[in-house]
Amino acid sequence: MTLKEAQQGVEYIIKGINTDDEELNSFLFTLGCYSGEPITVVSHRNGGCVVSIKYARYNIDYQLAEAILV
């Protein structure tokens, strides 16, 4: 399942990142978004969602959310 399909308020464990873009992988890693880390969808918004990773909140678009497997 991708993060786009995740339920709001439920904590998930990231299983992987589905992208070939090394720059995107590096960016997600700096946010703390990598395999084995917990992630929670705080809310779904128009065109994206707000997620909580390591005590911080980020707004990501659905294209990026589809690359994060939970």
C-alpha atoms as a PDB file:
ATOM      1  CA  MET A   1       0.000   0.000   0.000  1.00  0.00           C
ATOM      2  CA  THR A   2       1.216   3.519  -0.679  1.00  0.00           C
ATOM      3  CA  LEU A   3       1.091   6.460   1.674  1.00  0.00           C
ATOM      4  CA  LYS A   4      -1.586   8.035  -0.528  1.00  0.00           C
ATOM      5  CA  GLU A   5      -3.935   5.171   0.425  1.00  0.00           C
ATOM      6  CA  ALA A   6      -3.039   5.259   4.137  1.00  0.00           C
ATOM      7  CA  GLN A   7      -5.676   6.092   6.727  1.00  0.00           C
ATOM      8  CA  GLN A   8      -5.471   9.333   8.622  1.00  0.00           C
ATOM      9  CA  GLY A   9      -4.215   9.055  12.214  1.00  0.00           C
ATOM     10  CA  VAL A  10      -2.784   5.521  11.875  1.00  0.00           C
ATOM     11  CA  GLU A  11       0.945   4.920  12.391  1.00  0.00           C
ATOM     12  CA  TYR A  12       2.599   2.868   9.653  1.00  0.00           C
ATOM     13  CA  ILE A  13       6.121   1.542   9.176  1.00  0.00           C
ATOM     14  CA  ILE A  14       7.805   2.545   5.916  1.00  0.00           C
ATOM     15  CA  LYS A  15       8.538  -0.584   3.881  1.00  0.00           C
ATOM     16  CA  GLY A  16      10.373   1.141   1.065  1.00  0.00           C
ATOM     17  CA  ILE A  17      10.663   4.022  -1.371  1.00  0.00           C
ATOM     18  CA  ASN A  18       9.603   3.243  -4.946  1.00  0.00           C
ATOM     19  CA  THR A  19      11.600   5.684  -7.068  1.00  0.00           C
ATOM     20  CA  ASP A  20      14.681   5.649  -9.285  1.00  0.00           C
ATOM     21  CA  ASP A  21      15.430   9.328  -8.616  1.00  0.00           C
ATOM     22  CA  GLU A  22      18.536   9.497  -6.392  1.00  0.00           C
ATOM     23  CA  GLU A  23      17.904  13.162  -5.564  1.00  0.00           C
ATOM     24  CA  LEU A  24      14.428  12.311  -4.297  1.00  0.00           C
ATOM     25  CA  ASN A  25      15.808   9.398  -2.259  1.00  0.00           C
ATOM     26  CA  SER A  26      18.382  11.710  -0.671  1.00  0.00           C
ATOM     27  CA  PHE A  27      15.733  14.319   0.105  1.00  0.00           C
ATOM     28  CA  LEU A  28      13.439  11.770   1.769  1.00  0.00           C
ATOM     29  CA  PHE A  29      16.379  10.372   3.745  1.00  0.00           C
ATOM     30  CA  THR A  30      17.157  13.839   5.144  1.00  0.00           C
ATOM     31  CA  LEU A  31      13.543  14.056   6.339  1.00  0.00           C
ATOM     32  CA  GLY A  32      13.923  10.709   8.118  1.00  0.00           C
ATOM     33  CA  CYS A  33      11.757   8.911   5.572  1.00  0.00           C
ATOM     34  CA  TYR A  34      13.375   5.517   4.956  1.00  0.00           C
ATOM     35  CA  SER A  35      12.655   1.815   5.508  1.00  0.00           C
ATOM     36  CA  GLY A  36      11.809   0.827   9.046  1.00  0.00           C
ATOM     37  CA  GLU A  37      10.782   4.293  10.232  1.00  0.00           C
ATOM     38  CA  PRO A  38       7.284   5.031  11.548  1.00  0.00           C
ATOM     39  CA  ILE A  39       5.155   7.546   9.635  1.00  0.00           C
ATOM     40  CA  THR A  40       1.664   8.870  10.312  1.00  0.00           C
ATOM     41  CA  VAL A  41      -0.716  10.632   7.941  1.00  0.00           C
ATOM     42  CA  VAL A  42      -2.006  13.588   9.946  1.00  0.00           C
ATOM     43  CA  SER A  43      -4.482  14.703   7.278  1.00  0.00           C
ATOM     44  CA  HIS A  44      -5.311  14.412   3.596  1.00  0.00           C
ATOM     45  CA  ARG A  45      -5.476  17.722   1.726  1.00  0.00           C
ATOM     46  CA  ASN A  46      -6.252  18.747  -1.849  1.00  0.00           C
ATOM     47  CA  GLY A  47      -3.460  17.260  -3.919  1.00  0.00           C
ATOM     48  CA  GLY A  48      -1.426  15.977  -0.982  1.00  0.00           C
ATOM     49  CA  CYS A  49      -1.219  15.028   2.648  1.00  0.00           C
ATOM     50  CA  VAL A  50       0.390  16.144   5.885  1.00  0.00           C
ATOM     51  CA  VAL A  51       2.619  13.485   7.444  1.00  0.00           C
ATOM     52  CA  SER A  52       4.430  13.176  10.743  1.00  0.00           C
ATOM     53  CA  ILE A  53       7.957  11.769  10.636  1.00  0.00           C
ATOM     54  CA  LYS A  54      10.289  11.850  13.650  1.00  0.00           C
ATOM     55  CA  TYR A  55       8.387  14.543  15.586  1.00  0.00           C
ATOM     56  CA  ALA A  56       8.125  16.848  12.545  1.00  0.00           C
ATOM     57  CA  ARG A  57       5.268  17.476  10.127  1.00  0.00           C
ATOM     58  CA  TYR A  58       5.634  17.788   6.368  1.00  0.00           C
ATOM     59  CA  ASN A  59       3.199  18.545   3.565  1.00  0.00           C
ATOM     60  CA  ILE A  60       3.840  16.220   0.609  1.00  0.00           C
ATOM     61  CA  ASP A  61       2.012  15.946  -2.691  1.00  0.00           C
ATOM     62  CA  TYR A  62       0.261  12.760  -3.789  1.00  0.00           C
ATOM     63  CA  GLN A  63       2.900  12.008  -6.425  1.00  0.00           C
ATOM     64  CA  LEU A  64       5.513  11.740  -3.676  1.00  0.00           C
ATOM     65  CA  ALA A  65       3.076   9.917  -1.382  1.00  0.00           C
ATOM     66  CA  GLU A  66       2.615   7.236  -4.042  1.00  0.00           C
ATOM     67  CA  ALA A  67       6.371   6.540  -3.965  1.00  0.00           C
ATOM     68  CA  ILE A  68       6.361   5.767  -0.213  1.00  0.00           C
ATOM     69  CA  LEU A  69       5.329   2.185   0.543  1.00  0.00           C
ATOM     70  CA  VAL A  70       3.858   1.369   3.957  1.00  0.00           C
END
